Amino acid sequence: MTSAPPPAARPQTDVPPSLLRRAIAASAIGNAVEWFDYGIYAYGTTYIAAALFPEHATNAMIFTLLGFAVSFLMRPIGGLFWGPLGDKVGRKKVLAITIIIMAAATFCIGLLPSYTMIGIWAPVLLYTFRIIQGFSTGGEYGGAATFMAEYAPDRRRGFYGSFLEVGTLAGFNGGALLMLLMIGLTDDQQMHDWGWRVPFLVAGPLGIIGIYLRSKMEDTPVFQELAEKGEEADTGRQTLKELFTRFWRPLLVLGGLVIAVNVINYTLLSYTPTYLQSVINLSDEHALIVPIIGQLIMMLLLPLVGGLSDRVGRKPLWLFSLVGTIVLAYPMYRFMATSFASAIIAFTVLGLLYTPQLATISATFPAMFPTHVRYAGLALGYNISTSLFGGTAGLVNEWLIGRTGDTLWPAYYTIGACLVGLVCWFFMIETKGQSLRGTQVPGTAEAHEEQARLAGTH
């Protein structure tokens, strides 16, 4: 339980609406590019496997999913590099670099020669570009969420933060729709020869748009306030030392919550097309249509749920989402496997249960750390859990189904992750309406005292 913020505390930010909208767009575009890459990779898995791995290789699908997982293993390293740098030199500069690297790596995958042309170098280069993509992404989400949260008004952070996740689903769905369009415009041979490459090449122009939007923004008011006082991080080593000595509790809570968020995310959003193709033999088109419909519905509801969290708090919505998913994951996955129509219904139900988590993470997670270590804390806590449990979800589910013959492993894995999240939920600090200014963890008594002092100086 936490008390309300002190009445005298000045709001963390008071920016014009037009500037706030540009800040949200600049944050969301990076998320969209990141998830556009994940979408086209996840939904183009069968074509990538056929093009870049040995013909008739029995484990080509596993090796392709491994390429998906490899990028996530680099995310903590990227977080170690970009996070402290963002707390030292500012959020804007780091975000401008990461989006270019991220988009360029995705673009290069579309140019890769096939295995028949260059042999083993095809998968080697695929993994190389996935590693580069993962390294840059290690600084992308933590920075984008921090940038958004520090620009948004304290009492509407949930609403504005939800648009970061609208960008997530827009990028993911955009990738899926583009892949679906290519499948419709080409025959099977053309799709295998060159059609699957087109979505990867689109990442280049998206990256250019992203760098343009971010170059037009100033750094966040919260970071500028800290920098003016000379209280920003001095060195990366100092930042990491302070994180692991003073803020290890929020790091652990964040890590556990991210296990729930991203096991659901990557199992439901990324792995579903592969799962439906192998479990109920859906066509490529139908396997893509199922998540597209569900995610479009989620996109419409994200701002509404984010706004609701500004009124009732983040914790009640998380509790509803975690408990609901634990109860319904098993029956919904059983239902999903019966037909195309039931797959749409089951996916949508699970997606709606997941929406309260997704809608609020961009407001909840940055608020778990004070300003001077916020970028690093979010980048590390988020990316370590994501690399171990999120990006590997498709690979783990595919392997477990293959070993046991039980097609309900995605449900079991989802339930286990939500149980971990439920334990961490008890240790969450409610930060609805709390200011993100200062050097104390928002929502704590120490933060309230600091806010009163800050208010007294203005």
Foldseek 3Di string as FASTA:
>chain_A
DFDDFDPLFDWLADDDPVQLVLLLVLLQLLLLLLLLLLQLLLLCLVLLLCFAADHPPPCSSLLSLVLLLLLLVLLLVLLLPQQLVCLPPHLLVLQLVLLQQLLVLLQVLLVQHGCVVPNPVSSVSSSVSSNSNSSSVLQRNLSSLLQSQLHDTQLQSLLSLLSSVLSNLNSNLVSLVQLLVLPVVDDPVCCSPRSSSVSSNVSNVSSVVSSVSSVPHDGGSQSVVCVVVVNADDDSVVLVVCCVPPPVLLLVLLLLQLLLLQLLVCLLRRQQLVLQCPQQNDDSNLSSVLNSLLSVVLSVCLSVLSNVCSPVFLLVLLVQLLVVLLVCLQVLLVQLRPDSVSVSVSSNVNSVSSSSVSSGCSNQQLLQFASNSSSSSSSNSNSVSCSVRRSCSNSVLVVVCVVPVDSSVSSVSSNVSSVSNVVSSVVGATQNSWHRHDHDRTSDPVSSVVSSVVSVVD
